[in-house]
């Protein structure tokens, strides 16, 4: 089960969600989005909280760690719900001196419980991203082909290969067969 919250809607288009227990945390780890920001109370067993762009605690004096979802590292040797980090420099820690009940209460009033298909959501986003990349690649290839054809056309216009075509040439023999005198030909030329 995953809990979804609405923070101040006027602040922007984002979703806050968290797993109920370590098993949901595992699913959230596996099927997160690159734009997700992950939060967790440091050195304590707690829910994984995510902010998806487009927090609350019960203990005072705690450190909350957060990092982009892409920085989360999961290996087979880790326990369920446990994560590591690819790059520790991307991990940030915030000290929360005192619980702010106003924020927690406001979030709890907006809490919605759902059982999402995280894998299907992730696959849908991946499919949309692949389609967009495919469209961009197709457009790029089309532009490159148009540029290539334009360059060929310009090269042909500048070349001399059509200047000396045998069908357009006449010989002295051809001229003599027209039965024109030399003077008539000079007049035609001038």
N, C-alpha and C. Protein backbone atom coordinates (compact mmCIF):
# COMPACT_ATOMS: atom_id res chain seq x y z
N UNK A 1 0.84 -1.16 0.00
CA UNK A 1 0.00 0.00 0.00
C UNK A 1 0.89 1.24 0.00
N UNK A 2 0.51 2.20 -0.78
CA UNK A 2 1.27 3.44 -0.90
C UNK A 2 0.36 4.59 -0.50
N UNK A 3 0.87 5.51 0.32
CA UNK A 3 0.12 6.68 0.73
C UNK A 3 0.54 7.87 -0.13
N UNK A 4 -0.45 8.61 -0.62
CA UNK A 4 -0.21 9.79 -1.43
C UNK A 4 -0.69 11.01 -0.67
N UNK A 5 0.05 12.10 -0.78
CA UNK A 5 -0.29 13.33 -0.08
C UNK A 5 -0.27 14.48 -1.07
N UNK A 6 -1.07 15.50 -0.74
CA UNK A 6 -1.04 16.73 -1.52
C UNK A 6 -0.52 17.83 -0.62
N UNK A 7 0.65 18.33 -0.92
CA UNK A 7 1.15 19.50 -0.22
C UNK A 7 0.51 20.70 -0.89
N UNK A 8 0.77 21.85 -0.50
CA UNK A 8 0.14 23.05 -1.04
C UNK A 8 0.04 23.00 -2.56
N UNK A 9 -1.15 22.77 -3.12
CA UNK A 9 -1.29 22.67 -4.58
C UNK A 9 -0.85 23.94 -5.31
N UNK A 10 -0.99 25.09 -4.65
CA UNK A 10 -0.60 26.34 -5.31
C UNK A 10 0.92 26.44 -5.44
N UNK A 11 1.67 25.58 -4.73
CA UNK A 11 3.14 25.64 -4.77
C UNK A 11 3.71 24.97 -6.02
N UNK A 12 2.93 24.15 -6.70
CA UNK A 12 3.45 23.53 -7.91
C UNK A 12 2.88 22.15 -8.14
N UNK A 13 3.23 21.58 -9.26
CA UNK A 13 2.72 20.27 -9.66
C UNK A 13 3.68 19.19 -9.19
N UNK A 14 3.43 18.65 -8.03
CA UNK A 14 4.25 17.56 -7.54
C UNK A 14 3.42 16.67 -6.63
N UNK A 15 3.89 15.45 -6.44
CA UNK A 15 3.20 14.46 -5.62
C UNK A 15 4.15 14.00 -4.53
N UNK A 16 3.62 13.80 -3.35
CA UNK A 16 4.38 13.23 -2.25
C UNK A 16 3.78 11.86 -1.97
N UNK A 17 4.61 10.85 -1.87
CA UNK A 17 4.08 9.52 -1.57
C UNK A 17 5.10 8.74 -0.75
N UNK A 18 4.57 7.70 -0.06
CA UNK A 18 5.45 6.89 0.79
C UNK A 18 4.88 5.49 0.91
N UNK A 19 5.78 4.54 1.13
CA UNK A 19 5.37 3.17 1.33
C UNK A 19 4.93 2.94 2.76
N UNK A 20 4.00 1.99 2.94
CA UNK A 20 3.51 1.67 4.27
C UNK A 20 4.57 0.94 5.09
N UNK A 21 5.30 0.03 4.43
CA UNK A 21 6.31 -0.74 5.16
C UNK A 21 7.48 -1.04 4.22
N UNK A 22 8.39 -1.89 4.67
CA UNK A 22 9.60 -2.16 3.89
C UNK A 22 9.31 -2.83 2.55
N UNK A 23 8.21 -3.57 2.45
CA UNK A 23 7.88 -4.23 1.18
C UNK A 23 7.44 -3.21 0.13
N UNK A 24 6.62 -2.24 0.53
CA UNK A 24 6.25 -1.17 -0.40
C UNK A 24 7.47 -0.31 -0.73
N UNK A 25 8.33 -0.10 0.28
CA UNK A 25 9.56 0.65 0.03
C UNK A 25 10.36 -0.04 -1.08
N UNK A 26 10.39 -1.36 -1.04
CA UNK A 26 11.13 -2.12 -2.04
C UNK A 26 10.57 -1.87 -3.44
N UNK A 27 9.25 -1.87 -3.56
CA UNK A 27 8.61 -1.60 -4.85
C UNK A 27 8.88 -0.17 -5.31
N UNK A 28 8.82 0.77 -4.37
CA UNK A 28 9.10 2.17 -4.72
C UNK A 28 10.54 2.34 -5.18
N UNK A 29 11.47 1.62 -4.56
CA UNK A 29 12.88 1.67 -4.98
C UNK A 29 13.02 1.13 -6.40
N UNK A 30 12.35 0.04 -6.66
CA UNK A 30 12.50 -0.64 -7.95
C UNK A 30 11.91 0.15 -9.11
N UNK A 31 10.80 0.83 -8.88
CA UNK A 31 10.07 1.45 -9.99
C UNK A 31 9.96 2.96 -9.87
N UNK A 32 10.95 3.61 -9.27
CA UNK A 32 10.95 5.06 -9.17
C UNK A 32 11.18 5.73 -10.51
N UNK A 33 10.94 7.01 -10.55
CA UNK A 33 11.17 7.82 -11.74
C UNK A 33 12.44 8.63 -11.53
N UNK A 34 13.16 8.95 -12.60
CA UNK A 34 14.39 9.74 -12.45
C UNK A 34 14.17 11.09 -11.76
N UNK A 35 12.99 11.68 -11.92
CA UNK A 35 12.76 12.99 -11.30
C UNK A 35 12.33 12.89 -9.84
N UNK A 36 12.15 11.66 -9.31
CA UNK A 36 11.76 11.48 -7.91
C UNK A 36 12.91 11.87 -6.98
N UNK A 37 12.55 12.50 -5.88
CA UNK A 37 13.52 12.79 -4.81
C UNK A 37 13.15 11.89 -3.64
N UNK A 38 14.14 11.17 -3.12
CA UNK A 38 13.94 10.18 -2.07
C UNK A 38 14.33 10.77 -0.72
N UNK A 39 13.51 10.53 0.29
CA UNK A 39 13.79 10.99 1.65
C UNK A 39 13.69 9.82 2.61
N UNK A 40 14.48 9.86 3.67
CA UNK A 40 14.43 8.81 4.69
C UNK A 40 15.03 9.36 5.98
N UNK A 41 14.48 8.96 7.10
CA UNK A 41 15.06 9.34 8.39
C UNK A 41 16.35 8.54 8.54
N UNK A 42 17.45 9.24 8.75
CA UNK A 42 18.76 8.60 8.79
C UNK A 42 18.92 7.71 10.02
N UNK A 43 19.46 6.52 9.82
CA UNK A 43 19.83 5.57 10.87
C UNK A 43 18.64 5.11 11.70
N UNK A 44 17.45 5.14 11.13
CA UNK A 44 16.25 4.65 11.82
C UNK A 44 15.39 3.91 10.81
N UNK A 45 14.62 2.96 11.29
CA UNK A 45 13.67 2.27 10.43
C UNK A 45 12.48 3.20 10.22
N UNK A 46 12.24 3.55 8.97
CA UNK A 46 11.11 4.45 8.68
C UNK A 46 10.72 4.29 7.21
N UNK A 47 9.63 4.94 6.89
CA UNK A 47 9.13 4.88 5.52
C UNK A 47 10.07 5.63 4.58
N UNK A 48 10.09 5.19 3.32
CA UNK A 48 10.76 5.94 2.28
C UNK A 48 9.73 6.93 1.75
N UNK A 49 10.10 8.18 1.70
CA UNK A 49 9.20 9.22 1.21
C UNK A 49 9.77 9.75 -0.09
N UNK A 50 8.90 9.95 -1.05
CA UNK A 50 9.32 10.45 -2.36
C UNK A 50 8.54 11.71 -2.69
N UNK A 51 9.22 12.63 -3.34
CA UNK A 51 8.55 13.79 -3.93
C UNK A 51 8.75 13.64 -5.42
N UNK A 52 7.66 13.56 -6.12
CA UNK A 52 7.72 13.49 -7.58
C UNK A 52 7.35 14.86 -8.09
N UNK A 53 8.31 15.51 -8.79
CA UNK A 53 8.10 16.87 -9.28
C UNK A 53 7.32 16.84 -10.58
N UNK A 54 6.57 17.71 -11.37
CA UNK A 54 5.93 17.94 -12.71
C UNK A 54 5.65 19.29 -12.82
N UNK A 55 6.56 16.25 4.53
CA UNK A 55 7.53 15.27 4.95
C UNK A 55 7.09 14.88 6.35
N UNK A 56 7.03 14.81 7.51
CA UNK A 56 6.58 14.59 8.81
C UNK A 56 7.39 13.57 9.58
N UNK A 57 7.51 13.73 10.90
CA UNK A 57 8.21 12.77 11.76
C UNK A 57 7.62 12.79 13.16
N UNK A 58 7.96 11.80 13.97
CA UNK A 58 7.45 11.70 15.34
C UNK A 58 8.54 11.92 16.37
N UNK A 59 9.77 12.08 15.94
CA UNK A 59 10.90 12.21 16.85
C UNK A 59 11.57 13.55 16.59
N UNK A 60 12.05 14.19 17.64
CA UNK A 60 12.78 15.43 17.49
C UNK A 60 14.26 15.15 17.30
N UNK A 61 14.98 16.14 16.78
CA UNK A 61 16.43 16.04 16.56
C UNK A 61 16.82 14.83 15.72
N UNK A 62 16.30 14.80 14.51
CA UNK A 62 16.65 13.70 13.59
C UNK A 62 17.28 14.28 12.34
N UNK A 63 18.02 13.43 11.64
CA UNK A 63 18.57 13.80 10.34
C UNK A 63 17.75 13.10 9.26
N UNK A 64 17.35 13.87 8.27
CA UNK A 64 16.64 13.32 7.11
C UNK A 64 17.59 13.37 5.94
N UNK A 65 17.80 12.22 5.28
CA UNK A 65 18.68 12.19 4.11
C UNK A 65 17.80 12.17 2.87
N UNK A 66 18.29 12.80 1.81
CA UNK A 66 17.56 12.78 0.55
C UNK A 66 18.54 12.80 -0.61
N UNK A 67 18.08 12.24 -1.72
CA UNK A 67 18.90 12.15 -2.93
C UNK A 67 17.97 11.86 -4.11
N UNK A 68 18.37 12.17 -5.33
CA UNK A 68 17.55 11.78 -6.49
C UNK A 68 17.42 10.26 -6.55
N UNK A 69 16.27 9.81 -7.03
CA UNK A 69 16.01 8.37 -7.12
C UNK A 69 17.10 7.65 -7.90
N UNK A 70 17.62 8.26 -8.96
CA UNK A 70 18.65 7.61 -9.79
C UNK A 70 19.90 7.30 -9.00
N UNK A 71 20.11 7.97 -7.90
CA UNK A 71 21.31 7.74 -7.09
C UNK A 71 21.14 6.56 -6.13
N UNK A 72 19.92 6.04 -5.98
CA UNK A 72 19.71 4.89 -5.10
C UNK A 72 20.34 3.65 -5.71
N UNK A 73 21.01 2.87 -4.87
CA UNK A 73 21.65 1.63 -5.34
C UNK A 73 21.07 0.47 -4.55
N UNK A 74 20.64 -0.55 -5.25
CA UNK A 74 20.07 -1.73 -4.61
C UNK A 74 20.84 -2.94 -5.12
N UNK A 75 21.40 -3.72 -4.19
CA UNK A 75 22.10 -4.95 -4.56
C UNK A 75 21.37 -6.14 -3.97
N UNK A 76 21.63 -7.30 -4.51
CA UNK A 76 20.95 -8.52 -4.06
C UNK A 76 21.26 -8.84 -2.60
N UNK A 77 22.42 -8.43 -2.11
CA UNK A 77 22.80 -8.76 -0.73
C UNK A 77 22.11 -7.87 0.31
N UNK A 78 21.42 -6.84 -0.12
CA UNK A 78 20.76 -5.92 0.83
C UNK A 78 19.43 -6.49 1.30
N UNK A 79 19.08 -6.14 2.53
CA UNK A 79 17.79 -6.54 3.09
C UNK A 79 16.67 -5.81 2.36
N UNK A 80 15.46 -6.32 2.53
CA UNK A 80 14.28 -5.69 1.95
C UNK A 80 14.16 -4.28 2.54
N UNK A 81 13.98 -3.29 1.67
CA UNK A 81 13.83 -1.91 2.09
C UNK A 81 15.14 -1.18 2.31
N UNK A 82 16.26 -1.87 2.27
CA UNK A 82 17.57 -1.24 2.47
C UNK A 82 18.11 -0.75 1.14
N UNK A 83 18.76 0.41 1.16
CA UNK A 83 19.35 0.95 -0.06
C UNK A 83 20.73 1.52 0.24
N UNK A 84 21.50 1.67 -0.81
CA UNK A 84 22.79 2.36 -0.75
C UNK A 84 22.75 3.48 -1.78
N UNK A 85 23.90 4.07 -2.03
CA UNK A 85 23.96 5.18 -2.97
C UNK A 85 25.09 4.96 -3.96
N UNK A 86 24.85 5.31 -5.21
CA UNK A 86 25.90 5.25 -6.23
C UNK A 86 26.96 6.32 -5.96
N UNK A 87 26.51 7.52 -5.63
CA UNK A 87 27.41 8.65 -5.44
C UNK A 87 27.05 9.35 -4.13
N UNK A 88 27.88 9.18 -3.14
CA UNK A 88 27.57 9.76 -1.82
C UNK A 88 27.59 11.29 -1.84
N UNK A 89 28.23 11.89 -2.82
CA UNK A 89 28.24 13.35 -2.92
C UNK A 89 26.88 13.92 -3.29
N UNK A 90 26.01 13.08 -3.84
CA UNK A 90 24.67 13.54 -4.22
C UNK A 90 23.68 13.42 -3.05
N UNK A 91 24.10 12.82 -1.96
CA UNK A 91 23.22 12.63 -0.80
C UNK A 91 23.30 13.87 0.08
N UNK A 92 22.15 14.37 0.47
CA UNK A 92 22.07 15.54 1.34
C UNK A 92 21.39 15.15 2.65
N UNK A 93 21.75 15.83 3.71
CA UNK A 93 21.17 15.58 5.03
C UNK A 93 20.63 16.89 5.58
N UNK A 94 19.43 16.82 6.15
CA UNK A 94 18.81 17.98 6.77
C UNK A 94 18.50 17.61 8.22
N UNK A 95 18.89 18.46 9.11
CA UNK A 95 18.62 18.26 10.54
C UNK A 95 17.25 18.84 10.86
N UNK A 96 16.36 18.02 11.43
CA UNK A 96 15.04 18.47 11.85
C UNK A 96 15.06 18.50 13.38
N UNK A 97 15.10 19.71 13.90
CA UNK A 97 15.21 19.89 15.36
C UNK A 97 13.91 19.53 16.06
N UNK A 98 12.78 19.96 15.47
CA UNK A 98 11.51 19.78 16.15
C UNK A 98 10.43 19.48 15.12
N UNK A 99 9.58 18.55 15.45
CA UNK A 99 8.46 18.19 14.58
C UNK A 99 7.53 19.40 14.45
N UNK A 100 7.11 19.67 13.22
CA UNK A 100 6.18 20.78 12.97
C UNK A 100 4.81 20.15 12.72
N UNK A 101 3.99 20.11 13.77
CA UNK A 101 2.69 19.43 13.69
C UNK A 101 1.78 20.05 12.65
N UNK A 102 1.86 21.33 12.44
CA UNK A 102 1.00 21.99 11.45
C UNK A 102 1.20 21.37 10.06
N UNK A 103 2.46 21.14 9.70
CA UNK A 103 2.76 20.55 8.40
C UNK A 103 2.27 19.11 8.35
N UNK A 104 2.56 18.35 9.40
CA UNK A 104 2.14 16.93 9.45
C UNK A 104 0.63 16.83 9.38
N UNK A 105 -0.07 17.65 10.14
CA UNK A 105 -1.54 17.61 10.14
C UNK A 105 -2.11 17.99 8.79
N UNK A 106 -1.54 19.02 8.16
CA UNK A 106 -2.02 19.43 6.84
C UNK A 106 -1.83 18.30 5.83
N UNK A 107 -0.68 17.63 5.88
CA UNK A 107 -0.45 16.50 4.98
C UNK A 107 -1.41 15.34 5.26
N UNK A 108 -1.63 15.05 6.54
CA UNK A 108 -2.52 13.94 6.89
C UNK A 108 -3.95 14.18 6.43
N UNK A 109 -4.40 15.43 6.38
CA UNK A 109 -5.75 15.72 5.89
C UNK A 109 -5.88 15.42 4.40
N UNK A 110 -4.78 15.42 3.67
CA UNK A 110 -4.84 15.17 2.23
C UNK A 110 -4.48 13.73 1.87
N UNK A 111 -4.20 12.90 2.86
CA UNK A 111 -3.72 11.54 2.60
C UNK A 111 -4.76 10.72 1.85
N UNK A 112 -4.30 10.06 0.78
CA UNK A 112 -5.13 9.17 -0.03
C UNK A 112 -4.40 7.85 -0.12
N UNK A 113 -5.12 6.77 0.15
CA UNK A 113 -4.50 5.45 0.11
C UNK A 113 -4.87 4.76 -1.20
N UNK A 114 -3.85 4.29 -1.92
CA UNK A 114 -4.06 3.60 -3.20
C UNK A 114 -3.15 2.39 -3.26
N UNK A 115 -3.48 1.48 -4.15
CA UNK A 115 -2.60 0.34 -4.43
C UNK A 115 -2.20 0.45 -5.90
N UNK A 116 -1.20 1.28 -6.18
CA UNK A 116 -0.83 1.52 -7.58
C UNK A 116 -0.03 0.36 -8.15
N UNK A 117 -0.08 0.25 -9.46
CA UNK A 117 0.77 -0.70 -10.17
C UNK A 117 2.02 0.08 -10.57
N UNK A 118 3.00 0.11 -9.66
CA UNK A 118 4.20 0.92 -9.88
C UNK A 118 4.96 0.47 -11.12
N UNK A 119 4.99 -0.82 -11.36
CA UNK A 119 5.70 -1.34 -12.54
C UNK A 119 5.02 -0.82 -13.82
N UNK A 120 3.69 -0.87 -13.85
CA UNK A 120 2.96 -0.40 -15.04
C UNK A 120 3.17 1.10 -15.25
N UNK A 121 3.17 1.88 -14.14
CA UNK A 121 3.42 3.32 -14.26
C UNK A 121 4.81 3.58 -14.83
N UNK A 122 5.81 2.86 -14.32
CA UNK A 122 7.19 3.04 -14.79
C UNK A 122 7.30 2.65 -16.26
N UNK A 123 6.66 1.52 -16.63
CA UNK A 123 6.71 1.07 -18.03
C UNK A 123 6.01 2.06 -18.96
N UNK A 124 4.92 2.66 -18.51
CA UNK A 124 4.22 3.65 -19.33
C UNK A 124 5.10 4.87 -19.57
N UNK A 125 5.78 5.33 -18.54
CA UNK A 125 6.69 6.47 -18.70
C UNK A 125 7.84 6.10 -19.62
N UNK A 126 8.40 4.90 -19.44
CA UNK A 126 9.49 4.45 -20.32
C UNK A 126 9.04 4.38 -21.77
N UNK A 127 7.83 3.85 -22.00
CA UNK A 127 7.31 3.75 -23.37
C UNK A 127 7.13 5.13 -23.99
N UNK A 128 6.62 6.08 -23.22
CA UNK A 128 6.44 7.44 -23.73
C UNK A 128 7.79 8.08 -24.05
N UNK A 129 8.79 7.86 -23.19
CA UNK A 129 10.13 8.41 -23.45
C UNK A 129 10.75 7.77 -24.69
N UNK A 130 10.57 6.45 -24.84
CA UNK A 130 11.10 5.78 -26.05
C UNK A 130 10.43 6.30 -27.31
N UNK A 131 9.12 6.49 -27.25
CA UNK A 131 8.39 7.02 -28.42
C UNK A 131 8.88 8.41 -28.77
N UNK A 132 9.11 9.24 -27.77
CA UNK A 132 9.62 10.60 -28.01
C UNK A 132 11.01 10.56 -28.63
N UNK A 133 11.89 9.70 -28.10
CA UNK A 133 13.24 9.58 -28.68
C UNK A 133 13.18 9.06 -30.11
N UNK A 134 12.28 8.12 -30.36
CA UNK A 134 12.13 7.56 -31.71
C UNK A 134 11.65 8.64 -32.68
N UNK A 135 10.70 9.46 -32.24
CA UNK A 135 10.20 10.55 -33.07
C UNK A 135 11.30 11.57 -33.36
N UNK A 136 12.08 11.91 -32.34
CA UNK A 136 13.18 12.86 -32.53
C UNK A 136 14.22 12.29 -33.49
N UNK A 137 14.53 10.99 -33.36
CA UNK A 137 15.50 10.36 -34.25
C UNK A 137 14.99 10.35 -35.68
N UNK A 138 13.70 10.05 -35.86
CA UNK A 138 13.10 10.02 -37.20
C UNK A 138 13.16 11.42 -37.83
N UNK A 139 12.85 12.45 -37.03
CA UNK A 139 12.91 13.83 -37.53
C UNK A 139 14.35 14.21 -37.90
N UNK A 140 15.29 13.81 -37.08
CA UNK A 140 16.70 14.11 -37.36
C UNK A 140 17.14 13.45 -38.66
N UNK A 141 16.77 12.17 -38.85
CA UNK A 141 17.15 11.46 -40.08
C UNK A 141 16.51 12.11 -41.30
N UNK A 142 15.25 12.54 -41.15
CA UNK A 142 14.55 13.19 -42.27
C UNK A 142 15.25 14.50 -42.63
N UNK A 143 15.61 15.29 -41.61
CA UNK A 143 16.33 16.55 -41.88
C UNK A 143 17.68 16.29 -42.53
N UNK A 144 18.40 15.27 -42.05
CA UNK A 144 19.70 14.94 -42.64
C UNK A 144 19.55 14.51 -44.09
N UNK A 145 18.51 13.73 -44.40
CA UNK A 145 18.28 13.29 -45.78
C UNK A 145 17.93 14.49 -46.67
N UNK A 146 17.11 15.41 -46.16
CA UNK A 146 16.77 16.61 -46.94
C UNK A 146 18.02 17.46 -47.17
N UNK A 147 18.87 17.59 -46.17
CA UNK A 147 20.12 18.34 -46.32
C UNK A 147 21.03 17.68 -47.35
N UNK A 148 21.10 16.35 -47.30
CA UNK A 148 21.95 15.62 -48.25
C UNK A 148 21.45 15.83 -49.68
N UNK A 149 20.13 15.72 -49.88
CA UNK A 149 19.57 15.91 -51.22
C UNK A 149 19.79 17.35 -51.71
N UNK A 150 19.66 18.32 -50.82
CA UNK A 150 19.88 19.72 -51.19
C UNK A 150 21.34 19.93 -51.59
N UNK A 151 22.26 19.35 -50.86
CA UNK A 151 23.69 19.46 -51.19
C UNK A 151 23.99 18.82 -52.54
N UNK A 152 23.38 17.66 -52.79
CA UNK A 152 23.58 17.00 -54.10
C UNK A 152 23.03 17.88 -55.22
N UNK A 153 21.88 18.48 -54.99
CA UNK A 153 21.27 19.34 -56.01
C UNK A 153 22.16 20.54 -56.28
N UNK A 154 22.69 21.17 -55.24
CA UNK A 154 23.57 22.32 -55.39
C UNK A 154 24.87 21.93 -56.09
N UNK A 155 25.40 20.75 -55.77
CA UNK A 155 26.63 20.29 -56.41
C UNK A 155 26.38 20.04 -57.90
N UNK A 156 25.22 19.51 -58.25
CA UNK A 156 24.90 19.25 -59.65
C UNK A 156 24.75 20.56 -60.43
N UNK A 157 24.15 21.56 -59.79
CA UNK A 157 23.98 22.86 -60.44
C UNK A 157 25.34 23.48 -60.74
N UNK A 158 26.29 23.32 -59.83
CA UNK A 158 27.62 23.91 -59.99
C UNK A 158 28.55 23.08 -60.87
N UNK A 159 28.18 21.85 -61.17
CA UNK A 159 29.10 20.99 -61.94
C UNK A 159 28.99 21.27 -63.44
N UNK A 160 29.97 20.78 -64.20
CA UNK A 160 30.02 20.95 -65.65
C UNK A 160 29.62 19.68 -66.39
N UNK A 161 29.15 18.68 -65.67
CA UNK A 161 28.88 17.40 -66.32
C UNK A 161 27.74 17.48 -67.34
N UNK A 162 26.81 18.42 -67.21
CA UNK A 162 25.72 18.54 -68.18
C UNK A 162 26.04 19.53 -69.30
N UNK A 163 27.22 20.14 -69.23
CA UNK A 163 27.60 21.12 -70.23
C UNK A 163 27.97 20.47 -71.56
N UNK A 164 28.69 19.38 -71.52
CA UNK A 164 29.17 18.72 -72.74
C UNK A 164 28.42 17.42 -72.99
N UNK A 165 27.12 17.51 -73.25
CA UNK A 165 26.29 16.34 -73.53
C UNK A 165 26.24 16.13 -75.03
N UNK A 166 26.50 14.92 -75.48
CA UNK A 166 26.60 14.61 -76.90
C UNK A 166 25.32 14.95 -77.67
N UNK A 167 24.16 14.80 -77.07
CA UNK A 167 22.90 15.07 -77.76
C UNK A 167 22.75 16.56 -78.10
N UNK A 168 23.40 17.42 -77.33
CA UNK A 168 23.28 18.86 -77.55
C UNK A 168 24.37 19.41 -78.47
N UNK A 169 25.30 18.58 -78.90
CA UNK A 169 26.41 19.03 -79.74
C UNK A 169 26.10 18.85 -81.22
N UNK A 170 26.72 19.71 -82.02
CA UNK A 170 26.61 19.56 -83.48
C UNK A 170 28.01 19.55 -84.07
N UNK A 171 28.17 18.81 -85.14
CA UNK A 171 29.48 18.72 -85.79
C UNK A 171 29.43 19.52 -87.09
N UNK A 172 30.59 19.69 -87.71
CA UNK A 172 30.65 20.37 -89.01
C UNK A 172 29.84 19.61 -90.03
N UNK A 173 29.84 18.30 -89.91
CA UNK A 173 29.09 17.45 -90.83
C UNK A 173 27.60 17.74 -90.70
N UNK A 174 27.11 17.90 -89.43
CA UNK A 174 25.70 18.21 -89.21
C UNK A 174 25.35 19.57 -89.79
N UNK A 175 26.25 20.52 -89.63
CA UNK A 175 26.02 21.87 -90.12
C UNK A 175 25.96 21.86 -91.65
N UNK A 176 26.85 21.10 -92.27
CA UNK A 176 26.89 21.04 -93.73
C UNK A 176 25.64 20.40 -94.29
N UNK A 177 25.04 19.49 -93.52
CA UNK A 177 23.84 18.80 -94.02
C UNK A 177 22.60 19.69 -93.99
N UNK A 178 22.65 20.82 -93.32
CA UNK A 178 21.49 21.73 -93.28
C UNK A 178 21.40 22.57 -94.56
N UNK A 179 22.41 22.46 -95.42
CA UNK A 179 22.45 23.15 -96.70
C UNK A 179 22.45 24.66 -96.57
N UNK A 180 23.02 25.18 -95.52
CA UNK A 180 23.15 26.62 -95.36
C UNK A 180 24.55 27.01 -95.82
N UNK A 181 24.62 28.17 -96.36
CA UNK A 181 25.93 28.65 -96.77
C UNK A 181 26.64 29.22 -95.55
N UNK A 182 27.92 29.44 -95.73
CA UNK A 182 28.72 29.99 -94.65
C UNK A 182 28.20 31.36 -94.26
N UNK A 183 27.79 32.15 -95.19
CA UNK A 183 27.30 33.49 -94.90
C UNK A 183 25.99 33.42 -94.12
N UNK A 184 25.09 32.47 -94.46
CA UNK A 184 23.82 32.31 -93.73
C UNK A 184 24.09 31.89 -92.28
N UNK A 185 25.03 31.03 -92.12
CA UNK A 185 25.36 30.56 -90.76
C UNK A 185 25.94 31.70 -89.93
N UNK A 186 26.78 32.54 -90.52
CA UNK A 186 27.34 33.67 -89.79
C UNK A 186 26.24 34.65 -89.40
N UNK A 187 25.27 34.85 -90.29
CA UNK A 187 24.15 35.73 -89.98
C UNK A 187 23.31 35.17 -88.85
N UNK A 188 23.08 33.87 -88.86
CA UNK A 188 22.32 33.23 -87.77
C UNK A 188 23.08 33.37 -86.44
N UNK A 189 24.40 33.28 -86.55
CA UNK A 189 25.22 33.36 -85.33
C UNK A 189 25.18 34.76 -84.73
N UNK A 190 25.17 35.76 -85.59
CA UNK A 190 25.20 37.15 -85.10
C UNK A 190 23.81 37.56 -84.76
